[in-house]
């Protein structure tokens, strides 16, 4: 029995998108940004990812209907 899935050859892999949604890499200690459309849990995960990636520390806090993120180190 043969498969109905075709094998394609020589199809290039698309480039990765490297757009950053939040400005972590441009922040200095004491800077912050506000996100009105994200949950605290989502921003905690985002801060953890960029803290590891950039070797810097960020902390999120609930602020009204959104979340504010600070660079702390």
N, C-alpha and C. Protein backbone atom coordinates (compact mmCIF):
# COMPACT_ATOMS: atom_id res chain seq x y z
N UNK A 1 0.85 -1.18 0.00
CA UNK A 1 0.00 0.00 0.00
C UNK A 1 0.89 1.24 0.00
N UNK A 2 0.65 2.17 -0.86
CA UNK A 2 1.46 3.37 -0.96
C UNK A 2 0.75 4.55 -0.31
N UNK A 3 1.56 5.50 0.14
CA UNK A 3 1.03 6.69 0.80
C UNK A 3 0.58 7.70 -0.25
N UNK A 4 -0.40 8.49 0.09
CA UNK A 4 -0.88 9.52 -0.84
C UNK A 4 -0.20 10.87 -0.61
N UNK A 5 0.80 10.89 0.26
CA UNK A 5 1.53 12.13 0.53
C UNK A 5 2.71 12.20 -0.42
N UNK A 6 2.82 13.32 -1.11
CA UNK A 6 3.89 13.52 -2.08
C UNK A 6 5.14 14.03 -1.37
N UNK A 7 6.31 13.62 -1.84
CA UNK A 7 7.58 14.11 -1.32
C UNK A 7 8.09 15.16 -2.28
N UNK A 8 8.38 16.35 -1.76
CA UNK A 8 8.92 17.44 -2.57
C UNK A 8 10.41 17.54 -2.32
N UNK A 9 11.14 17.88 -3.36
CA UNK A 9 12.58 18.04 -3.26
C UNK A 9 12.97 19.46 -3.60
N UNK A 10 14.04 19.93 -2.95
CA UNK A 10 14.63 21.24 -3.25
C UNK A 10 13.68 22.41 -2.95
N UNK A 11 12.86 22.29 -1.93
CA UNK A 11 12.00 23.40 -1.48
C UNK A 11 12.76 24.11 -0.38
N UNK A 12 13.11 25.40 -0.57
CA UNK A 12 13.89 26.11 0.45
C UNK A 12 13.08 26.34 1.74
N UNK A 13 13.79 26.33 2.85
CA UNK A 13 13.17 26.60 4.15
C UNK A 13 13.01 28.11 4.29
N UNK A 14 11.82 28.61 4.63
CA UNK A 14 11.64 30.06 4.81
C UNK A 14 12.48 30.58 5.98
N UNK A 15 12.92 31.81 5.87
CA UNK A 15 13.70 32.44 6.94
C UNK A 15 12.83 32.61 8.19
N UNK A 16 13.47 32.53 9.35
CA UNK A 16 12.76 32.76 10.60
C UNK A 16 12.39 34.23 10.73
N UNK A 17 11.23 34.47 11.27
CA UNK A 17 10.85 35.85 11.55
C UNK A 17 11.53 36.26 12.84
N UNK A 18 12.20 37.38 12.83
CA UNK A 18 12.91 37.81 14.04
C UNK A 18 12.36 39.13 14.57
N UNK A 19 11.08 39.34 14.40
CA UNK A 19 10.49 40.54 14.93
C UNK A 19 10.22 40.36 16.42
N UNK A 20 10.57 41.32 17.19
CA UNK A 20 10.35 41.26 18.63
C UNK A 20 9.09 42.06 18.94
N UNK A 21 8.21 41.45 19.66
CA UNK A 21 6.96 42.10 20.00
C UNK A 21 7.15 43.18 21.07
N UNK A 22 8.10 42.95 21.98
CA UNK A 22 8.34 43.88 23.07
C UNK A 22 9.78 44.37 23.02
N UNK A 23 10.07 45.57 23.54
CA UNK A 23 11.40 46.19 23.38
C UNK A 23 12.43 45.81 24.44
N UNK A 24 12.50 44.55 24.84
CA UNK A 24 13.43 44.13 25.89
C UNK A 24 14.87 44.53 25.59
N UNK A 25 15.31 44.31 24.36
CA UNK A 25 16.72 44.55 24.02
C UNK A 25 17.11 46.03 24.04
N UNK A 26 16.15 46.94 23.94
CA UNK A 26 16.44 48.38 23.93
C UNK A 26 16.35 49.02 25.31
N UNK A 27 15.94 48.25 26.32
CA UNK A 27 15.70 48.82 27.64
C UNK A 27 16.97 48.96 28.47
N UNK A 28 17.01 50.05 29.24
CA UNK A 28 18.06 50.26 30.23
C UNK A 28 17.45 50.04 31.61
N UNK A 29 18.28 49.83 32.62
CA UNK A 29 17.79 49.61 33.98
C UNK A 29 16.90 50.79 34.38
N UNK A 30 15.70 50.49 34.89
CA UNK A 30 14.75 51.50 35.30
C UNK A 30 13.69 51.80 34.25
N UNK A 31 13.93 51.41 32.99
CA UNK A 31 12.93 51.61 31.92
C UNK A 31 11.78 50.63 32.09
N UNK A 32 10.62 50.99 31.57
CA UNK A 32 9.47 50.09 31.61
C UNK A 32 8.62 50.28 30.36
N UNK A 33 7.76 49.30 30.11
CA UNK A 33 6.75 49.44 29.06
C UNK A 33 5.46 48.82 29.56
N UNK A 34 4.34 49.28 29.00
CA UNK A 34 3.02 48.83 29.41
C UNK A 34 2.37 48.06 28.27
N UNK A 35 1.74 46.92 28.61
CA UNK A 35 1.01 46.12 27.63
C UNK A 35 -0.41 45.97 28.14
N UNK A 36 -1.35 46.53 27.43
CA UNK A 36 -2.74 46.50 27.87
C UNK A 36 -3.48 45.23 27.46
N UNK A 37 -2.89 44.43 26.60
CA UNK A 37 -3.61 43.27 26.06
C UNK A 37 -2.99 41.94 26.44
N UNK A 38 -2.20 41.89 27.49
CA UNK A 38 -1.54 40.63 27.88
C UNK A 38 -1.84 40.31 29.34
N UNK A 39 -1.81 39.02 29.66
CA UNK A 39 -2.01 38.60 31.04
C UNK A 39 -0.68 38.63 31.79
N UNK A 40 -0.76 38.67 33.09
CA UNK A 40 0.46 38.67 33.92
C UNK A 40 1.26 37.39 33.69
N UNK A 41 0.59 36.26 33.56
CA UNK A 41 1.27 34.99 33.33
C UNK A 41 2.03 34.98 32.00
N UNK A 42 1.43 35.52 30.97
CA UNK A 42 2.08 35.60 29.66
C UNK A 42 3.32 36.47 29.74
N UNK A 43 3.22 37.60 30.43
CA UNK A 43 4.35 38.51 30.52
C UNK A 43 5.45 37.94 31.43
N UNK A 44 5.08 37.17 32.44
CA UNK A 44 6.10 36.50 33.27
C UNK A 44 6.93 35.55 32.40
N UNK A 45 6.24 34.78 31.56
CA UNK A 45 6.95 33.85 30.68
C UNK A 45 7.84 34.60 29.70
N UNK A 46 7.34 35.69 29.16
CA UNK A 46 8.11 36.50 28.23
C UNK A 46 9.34 37.09 28.91
N UNK A 47 9.18 37.61 30.11
CA UNK A 47 10.31 38.16 30.88
C UNK A 47 11.36 37.09 31.15
N UNK A 48 10.93 35.91 31.51
CA UNK A 48 11.86 34.81 31.79
C UNK A 48 12.65 34.46 30.54
N UNK A 49 11.99 34.37 29.42
CA UNK A 49 12.65 34.03 28.15
C UNK A 49 13.71 35.07 27.81
N UNK A 50 13.34 36.36 27.87
CA UNK A 50 14.28 37.40 27.50
C UNK A 50 15.36 37.63 28.56
N UNK A 51 15.06 37.36 29.82
CA UNK A 51 16.09 37.44 30.86
C UNK A 51 17.20 36.45 30.56
N UNK A 52 16.82 35.23 30.20
CA UNK A 52 17.80 34.20 29.87
C UNK A 52 18.55 34.53 28.58
N UNK A 53 17.83 35.00 27.60
CA UNK A 53 18.40 35.29 26.29
C UNK A 53 19.37 36.47 26.32
N UNK A 54 19.01 37.54 27.04
CA UNK A 54 19.79 38.77 27.04
C UNK A 54 20.71 38.91 28.26
N UNK A 55 20.61 37.98 29.21
CA UNK A 55 21.40 38.04 30.45
C UNK A 55 21.11 39.34 31.21
N UNK A 56 19.83 39.70 31.25
CA UNK A 56 19.35 40.87 31.99
C UNK A 56 18.14 40.42 32.81
N UNK A 57 17.69 41.25 33.74
CA UNK A 57 16.53 40.88 34.55
C UNK A 57 15.38 41.84 34.31
N UNK A 58 14.18 41.26 34.18
CA UNK A 58 12.95 42.01 33.96
C UNK A 58 11.91 41.51 34.95
N UNK A 59 11.01 42.40 35.36
CA UNK A 59 9.94 41.99 36.26
C UNK A 59 8.62 42.60 35.81
N UNK A 60 7.56 41.80 35.73
CA UNK A 60 6.24 42.31 35.36
C UNK A 60 5.36 42.52 36.59
N UNK A 61 4.47 43.49 36.52
CA UNK A 61 3.48 43.73 37.58
C UNK A 61 2.16 44.11 36.93
N UNK A 62 1.07 43.62 37.53
CA UNK A 62 -0.26 43.99 37.08
C UNK A 62 -0.45 45.48 37.32
N UNK A 63 -0.99 46.18 36.33
CA UNK A 63 -1.26 47.61 36.46
C UNK A 63 -2.58 47.91 35.77
N UNK A 64 -3.62 48.09 36.56
CA UNK A 64 -4.95 48.33 35.98
C UNK A 64 -5.39 47.15 35.14
N UNK A 65 -5.74 47.41 33.89
CA UNK A 65 -6.21 46.35 32.99
C UNK A 65 -5.08 45.72 32.19
N UNK A 66 -3.84 46.06 32.49
CA UNK A 66 -2.72 45.52 31.73
C UNK A 66 -1.56 45.14 32.62
N UNK A 67 -0.39 45.04 32.01
CA UNK A 67 0.82 44.63 32.72
C UNK A 67 1.95 45.59 32.36
N UNK A 68 2.70 46.03 33.36
CA UNK A 68 3.89 46.85 33.12
C UNK A 68 5.11 46.00 33.41
N UNK A 69 6.12 46.12 32.54
CA UNK A 69 7.37 45.37 32.68
C UNK A 69 8.52 46.34 32.87
N UNK A 70 9.34 46.08 33.91
CA UNK A 70 10.53 46.91 34.19
C UNK A 70 11.79 46.11 33.96
N UNK A 71 12.84 46.79 33.52
CA UNK A 71 14.17 46.18 33.52
C UNK A 71 14.77 46.54 34.87
N UNK A 72 15.19 45.52 35.64
CA UNK A 72 15.70 45.76 36.98
C UNK A 72 17.20 45.50 37.10
N UNK A 73 17.83 44.83 36.17
CA UNK A 73 19.28 44.62 36.17
C UNK A 73 19.76 44.54 34.74
